[in-house]
Amino acid sequence: MADKEKKPAPKSLTQNEFFTALAESTGKNKNEVKEFYEKMIDLIIHELQKKGGGVLKLPNAFKITMKKRPAVKGGEKYINPFTKKEELTKPKPAKKYITVRVLKPLNSKLD
């Protein structure tokens, strides 16, 4: 086989590069951009909690939702298909998870 050159994985912006790029494109200083970003994160957290309804739409960009997965009781018997032995299921705690969907206007710009 011919030698295949591996391409390095694309790297994401670092936090410093992200804030610098936003500051340059908006004409604001870096501290103002950081302050705005922190306020936006606070708003997202507030909207995803019980008080906010669990859904936040960033216009023309994303829809962020928080979903809840209920707890599952353990102790049920089942046969392990690999070992053919009878085992008990383990209990699993309730879980919250966040999903992010790209909305159509942003998705059409990415293509």
N, C-alpha and C. Protein backbone atom coordinates (compact mmCIF):
# COMPACT_ATOMS: atom_id res chain seq x y z
N MET A 1 0.82 -1.18 0.00
CA MET A 1 0.00 0.00 0.00
C MET A 1 0.86 1.25 0.00
N ALA A 2 0.36 2.29 -0.59
CA ALA A 2 1.08 3.55 -0.61
C ALA A 2 0.98 4.20 0.76
N ASP A 3 2.01 4.96 1.07
CA ASP A 3 2.00 5.67 2.35
C ASP A 3 0.92 6.75 2.31
N LYS A 4 0.02 6.66 3.28
CA LYS A 4 -1.04 7.65 3.37
C LYS A 4 -0.64 8.69 4.41
N GLU A 5 -0.74 9.93 4.00
CA GLU A 5 -0.43 11.00 4.93
C GLU A 5 -1.69 11.31 5.73
N LYS A 6 -1.54 11.29 7.02
CA LYS A 6 -2.67 11.61 7.88
C LYS A 6 -2.76 13.11 8.04
N LYS A 7 -3.95 13.63 7.81
CA LYS A 7 -4.18 15.04 8.00
C LYS A 7 -4.47 15.29 9.48
N PRO A 8 -3.91 16.35 10.03
CA PRO A 8 -4.20 16.64 11.44
C PRO A 8 -5.67 17.01 11.60
N ALA A 9 -6.22 16.65 12.72
CA ALA A 9 -7.62 16.95 13.00
C ALA A 9 -7.79 18.47 13.12
N PRO A 10 -8.90 19.00 12.61
CA PRO A 10 -9.11 20.44 12.74
C PRO A 10 -9.26 20.83 14.20
N LYS A 11 -8.64 21.93 14.55
CA LYS A 11 -8.66 22.36 15.95
C LYS A 11 -9.68 23.47 16.13
N SER A 12 -10.32 23.45 17.28
CA SER A 12 -11.28 24.48 17.64
C SER A 12 -10.54 25.70 18.17
N LEU A 13 -11.21 26.83 18.13
CA LEU A 13 -10.62 28.04 18.71
C LEU A 13 -10.45 27.87 20.21
N THR A 14 -9.39 28.42 20.73
CA THR A 14 -9.24 28.45 22.18
C THR A 14 -10.15 29.55 22.72
N GLN A 15 -10.34 29.57 24.02
CA GLN A 15 -11.20 30.57 24.63
C GLN A 15 -10.67 31.97 24.35
N ASN A 16 -9.37 32.15 24.47
CA ASN A 16 -8.76 33.45 24.22
C ASN A 16 -8.94 33.87 22.76
N GLU A 17 -8.71 32.95 21.83
CA GLU A 17 -8.88 33.25 20.41
C GLU A 17 -10.33 33.59 20.08
N PHE A 18 -11.26 32.89 20.73
CA PHE A 18 -12.68 33.12 20.51
C PHE A 18 -13.07 34.54 20.91
N PHE A 19 -12.68 34.95 22.13
CA PHE A 19 -13.03 36.29 22.60
C PHE A 19 -12.31 37.37 21.81
N THR A 20 -11.08 37.12 21.39
CA THR A 20 -10.34 38.09 20.59
C THR A 20 -11.00 38.29 19.23
N ALA A 21 -11.42 37.19 18.60
CA ALA A 21 -12.07 37.28 17.29
C ALA A 21 -13.40 38.03 17.39
N LEU A 22 -14.17 37.77 18.44
CA LEU A 22 -15.44 38.48 18.63
C LEU A 22 -15.20 39.97 18.89
N ALA A 23 -14.18 40.27 19.69
CA ALA A 23 -13.89 41.66 20.00
C ALA A 23 -13.47 42.42 18.74
N GLU A 24 -12.67 41.79 17.90
CA GLU A 24 -12.22 42.44 16.67
C GLU A 24 -13.38 42.65 15.69
N SER A 25 -14.27 41.66 15.58
CA SER A 25 -15.35 41.77 14.60
C SER A 25 -16.45 42.73 15.05
N THR A 26 -16.60 42.95 16.36
CA THR A 26 -17.65 43.85 16.85
C THR A 26 -17.14 45.25 17.17
N GLY A 27 -15.83 45.41 17.28
CA GLY A 27 -15.28 46.71 17.63
C GLY A 27 -15.31 47.01 19.12
N LYS A 28 -15.70 46.04 19.91
CA LYS A 28 -15.73 46.21 21.37
C LYS A 28 -14.40 45.71 21.94
N ASN A 29 -14.15 46.04 23.22
CA ASN A 29 -12.94 45.48 23.82
C ASN A 29 -13.24 44.09 24.37
N LYS A 30 -12.20 43.38 24.68
CA LYS A 30 -12.32 41.98 25.07
C LYS A 30 -13.13 41.80 26.36
N ASN A 31 -12.98 42.70 27.30
CA ASN A 31 -13.70 42.58 28.57
C ASN A 31 -15.20 42.75 28.37
N GLU A 32 -15.61 43.63 27.49
CA GLU A 32 -17.03 43.81 27.20
C GLU A 32 -17.61 42.55 26.55
N VAL A 33 -16.85 41.93 25.67
CA VAL A 33 -17.29 40.70 25.01
C VAL A 33 -17.43 39.58 26.04
N LYS A 34 -16.47 39.46 26.95
CA LYS A 34 -16.54 38.43 27.99
C LYS A 34 -17.75 38.65 28.89
N GLU A 35 -18.02 39.89 29.24
CA GLU A 35 -19.16 40.21 30.10
C GLU A 35 -20.47 39.84 29.41
N PHE A 36 -20.58 40.18 28.12
CA PHE A 36 -21.78 39.82 27.36
C PHE A 36 -21.95 38.30 27.30
N TYR A 37 -20.85 37.60 27.07
CA TYR A 37 -20.88 36.13 26.97
C TYR A 37 -21.35 35.52 28.29
N GLU A 38 -20.85 36.02 29.41
CA GLU A 38 -21.26 35.51 30.73
C GLU A 38 -22.74 35.76 30.97
N LYS A 39 -23.24 36.93 30.57
CA LYS A 39 -24.67 37.24 30.72
C LYS A 39 -25.51 36.30 29.86
N MET A 40 -25.02 35.99 28.66
CA MET A 40 -25.75 35.07 27.77
C MET A 40 -25.80 33.67 28.37
N ILE A 41 -24.71 33.20 28.96
CA ILE A 41 -24.67 31.89 29.61
C ILE A 41 -25.65 31.87 30.79
N ASP A 42 -25.68 32.96 31.57
CA ASP A 42 -26.63 33.05 32.69
C ASP A 42 -28.07 32.96 32.20
N LEU A 43 -28.36 33.62 31.08
CA LEU A 43 -29.71 33.58 30.51
C LEU A 43 -30.06 32.17 30.05
N ILE A 44 -29.12 31.48 29.42
CA ILE A 44 -29.36 30.11 28.96
C ILE A 44 -29.65 29.21 30.16
N ILE A 45 -28.87 29.33 31.22
CA ILE A 45 -29.07 28.50 32.42
C ILE A 45 -30.43 28.79 33.03
N HIS A 46 -30.80 30.07 33.12
CA HIS A 46 -32.09 30.43 33.70
C HIS A 46 -33.24 29.86 32.88
N GLU A 47 -33.16 29.94 31.57
CA GLU A 47 -34.25 29.46 30.71
C GLU A 47 -34.36 27.94 30.71
N LEU A 48 -33.26 27.24 30.90
CA LEU A 48 -33.31 25.77 30.88
C LEU A 48 -33.75 25.19 32.21
N GLN A 49 -33.68 25.96 33.28
CA GLN A 49 -34.13 25.46 34.58
C GLN A 49 -35.65 25.46 34.64
N LYS A 50 -36.18 24.97 35.75
CA LYS A 50 -37.63 24.85 35.93
C LYS A 50 -38.35 26.17 35.72
N LYS A 51 -37.75 27.26 36.16
CA LYS A 51 -38.39 28.57 36.07
C LYS A 51 -38.60 29.00 34.63
N GLY A 52 -37.72 28.57 33.75
CA GLY A 52 -37.75 29.06 32.38
C GLY A 52 -38.49 28.19 31.40
N GLY A 53 -38.83 26.98 31.73
CA GLY A 53 -39.58 26.13 30.83
C GLY A 53 -38.76 25.08 30.13
N GLY A 54 -37.46 25.14 30.18
CA GLY A 54 -36.62 24.09 29.62
C GLY A 54 -36.31 24.21 28.14
N VAL A 55 -36.70 25.32 27.50
CA VAL A 55 -36.42 25.49 26.07
C VAL A 55 -35.92 26.91 25.84
N LEU A 56 -34.90 27.05 25.00
CA LEU A 56 -34.41 28.36 24.61
C LEU A 56 -34.09 28.33 23.13
N LYS A 57 -34.62 29.31 22.41
CA LYS A 57 -34.33 29.44 20.99
C LYS A 57 -33.45 30.65 20.79
N LEU A 58 -32.24 30.44 20.27
CA LEU A 58 -31.40 31.56 19.86
C LEU A 58 -31.80 31.87 18.43
N PRO A 59 -32.36 33.04 18.16
CA PRO A 59 -32.94 33.33 16.85
C PRO A 59 -31.98 33.05 15.70
N ASN A 60 -32.48 32.33 14.71
CA ASN A 60 -31.76 31.97 13.48
C ASN A 60 -30.50 31.15 13.72
N ALA A 61 -30.37 30.51 14.89
CA ALA A 61 -29.16 29.74 15.16
C ALA A 61 -29.47 28.37 15.75
N PHE A 62 -29.85 28.33 17.03
CA PHE A 62 -30.00 27.06 17.73
C PHE A 62 -31.29 27.01 18.54
N LYS A 63 -31.73 25.78 18.82
CA LYS A 63 -32.79 25.54 19.78
C LYS A 63 -32.20 24.60 20.83
N ILE A 64 -32.16 25.06 22.07
CA ILE A 64 -31.57 24.30 23.16
C ILE A 64 -32.70 23.83 24.07
N THR A 65 -32.76 22.53 24.33
CA THR A 65 -33.79 21.99 25.21
C THR A 65 -33.15 21.12 26.29
N MET A 66 -33.78 21.12 27.48
CA MET A 66 -33.33 20.23 28.54
C MET A 66 -34.40 19.17 28.72
N LYS A 67 -33.99 17.92 28.65
CA LYS A 67 -34.92 16.82 28.80
C LYS A 67 -34.57 16.04 30.06
N LYS A 68 -35.57 15.35 30.59
CA LYS A 68 -35.38 14.57 31.81
C LYS A 68 -35.62 13.10 31.50
N ARG A 69 -34.74 12.27 31.96
CA ARG A 69 -34.90 10.82 31.84
C ARG A 69 -35.21 10.30 33.24
N PRO A 70 -36.34 9.60 33.43
CA PRO A 70 -36.71 9.16 34.78
C PRO A 70 -35.78 8.04 35.29
N ALA A 71 -35.82 7.87 36.60
CA ALA A 71 -35.02 6.80 37.22
C ALA A 71 -35.60 5.44 36.86
N VAL A 72 -34.73 4.43 36.82
CA VAL A 72 -35.14 3.06 36.50
C VAL A 72 -34.79 2.19 37.69
N LYS A 73 -35.79 1.44 38.17
CA LYS A 73 -35.54 0.54 39.29
C LYS A 73 -34.75 -0.67 38.83
N GLY A 74 -33.92 -1.17 39.69
CA GLY A 74 -33.15 -2.37 39.39
C GLY A 74 -33.78 -3.58 40.04
N GLY A 75 -33.07 -4.69 40.02
CA GLY A 75 -33.51 -5.88 40.71
C GLY A 75 -34.27 -6.87 39.83
N GLU A 76 -34.46 -6.56 38.55
CA GLU A 76 -35.14 -7.50 37.67
C GLU A 76 -34.13 -8.54 37.17
N LYS A 77 -34.60 -9.75 37.06
CA LYS A 77 -33.72 -10.83 36.60
C LYS A 77 -33.74 -10.90 35.08
N TYR A 78 -32.56 -11.16 34.52
CA TYR A 78 -32.45 -11.38 33.08
C TYR A 78 -31.30 -12.34 32.83
N ILE A 79 -31.28 -12.93 31.65
CA ILE A 79 -30.20 -13.86 31.30
C ILE A 79 -29.21 -13.13 30.42
N ASN A 80 -27.96 -13.09 30.87
CA ASN A 80 -26.89 -12.45 30.11
C ASN A 80 -26.64 -13.28 28.85
N PRO A 81 -26.77 -12.68 27.66
CA PRO A 81 -26.62 -13.45 26.43
C PRO A 81 -25.21 -13.97 26.18
N PHE A 82 -24.22 -13.37 26.82
CA PHE A 82 -22.85 -13.79 26.60
C PHE A 82 -22.44 -14.94 27.52
N THR A 83 -22.81 -14.82 28.80
CA THR A 83 -22.41 -15.84 29.77
C THR A 83 -23.49 -16.87 30.02
N LYS A 84 -24.71 -16.60 29.58
CA LYS A 84 -25.87 -17.47 29.77
C LYS A 84 -26.21 -17.65 31.25
N LYS A 85 -25.77 -16.70 32.07
CA LYS A 85 -26.08 -16.75 33.50
C LYS A 85 -27.17 -15.73 33.83
N GLU A 86 -27.92 -16.04 34.88
CA GLU A 86 -28.96 -15.14 35.31
C GLU A 86 -28.34 -14.03 36.16
N GLU A 87 -28.70 -12.78 35.85
CA GLU A 87 -28.17 -11.64 36.59
C GLU A 87 -29.31 -10.69 36.93
N LEU A 88 -29.00 -9.73 37.82
CA LEU A 88 -29.97 -8.71 38.21
C LEU A 88 -29.61 -7.39 37.55
N THR A 89 -30.63 -6.63 37.15
CA THR A 89 -30.37 -5.32 36.58
C THR A 89 -29.99 -4.34 37.68
N LYS A 90 -29.22 -3.34 37.31
CA LYS A 90 -28.78 -2.33 38.27
C LYS A 90 -29.72 -1.13 38.20
N PRO A 91 -29.98 -0.49 39.33
CA PRO A 91 -30.81 0.72 39.29
C PRO A 91 -30.04 1.87 38.65
N LYS A 92 -30.78 2.73 37.92
CA LYS A 92 -30.16 3.89 37.29
C LYS A 92 -30.87 5.15 37.80
N PRO A 93 -30.11 6.16 38.18
CA PRO A 93 -30.72 7.39 38.71
C PRO A 93 -31.38 8.22 37.61
N ALA A 94 -32.24 9.14 38.01
CA ALA A 94 -32.83 10.08 37.07
C ALA A 94 -31.72 10.94 36.48
N LYS A 95 -31.94 11.43 35.27
CA LYS A 95 -30.88 12.13 34.57
C LYS A 95 -31.47 13.29 33.78
N LYS A 96 -30.75 14.40 33.73
CA LYS A 96 -31.13 15.53 32.88
C LYS A 96 -30.06 15.64 31.80
N TYR A 97 -30.51 15.91 30.58
CA TYR A 97 -29.55 16.11 29.50
C TYR A 97 -30.02 17.20 28.57
N ILE A 98 -29.07 17.81 27.88
CA ILE A 98 -29.36 18.95 27.01
C ILE A 98 -29.16 18.54 25.56
N THR A 99 -30.10 18.94 24.72
CA THR A 99 -29.96 18.72 23.28
C THR A 99 -29.92 20.08 22.60
N VAL A 100 -29.11 20.17 21.55
CA VAL A 100 -28.99 21.40 20.77
C VAL A 100 -29.28 21.07 19.32
N ARG A 101 -30.25 21.77 18.74
CA ARG A 101 -30.59 21.58 17.33
C ARG A 101 -30.23 22.84 16.56
N VAL A 102 -29.67 22.65 15.39
CA VAL A 102 -29.37 23.77 14.51
C VAL A 102 -30.65 24.14 13.76
N LEU A 103 -31.00 25.41 13.77
CA LEU A 103 -32.20 25.85 13.07
C LEU A 103 -31.91 26.07 11.58
N LYS A 104 -32.96 26.11 10.81
CA LYS A 104 -32.86 26.13 9.35
C LYS A 104 -32.02 27.29 8.79
N PRO A 105 -32.17 28.54 9.27
CA PRO A 105 -31.37 29.62 8.69
C PRO A 105 -29.86 29.40 8.83
N LEU A 106 -29.42 28.94 9.97
CA LEU A 106 -27.99 28.68 10.16
C LEU A 106 -27.56 27.45 9.36
N ASN A 107 -28.38 26.42 9.35
CA ASN A 107 -28.04 25.20 8.63
C ASN A 107 -27.89 25.46 7.13
N SER A 108 -28.74 26.32 6.57
CA SER A 108 -28.65 26.60 5.14
C SER A 108 -27.37 27.38 4.81
N LYS A 109 -26.88 28.16 5.75
CA LYS A 109 -25.63 28.90 5.53
C LYS A 109 -24.42 27.99 5.62
N LEU A 110 -24.53 26.86 6.33
CA LEU A 110 -23.40 25.96 6.51
C LEU A 110 -23.17 25.07 5.28
N ASP A 111 -24.19 24.87 4.47
CA ASP A 111 -24.06 23.99 3.31
C ASP A 111 -23.28 24.59 2.19
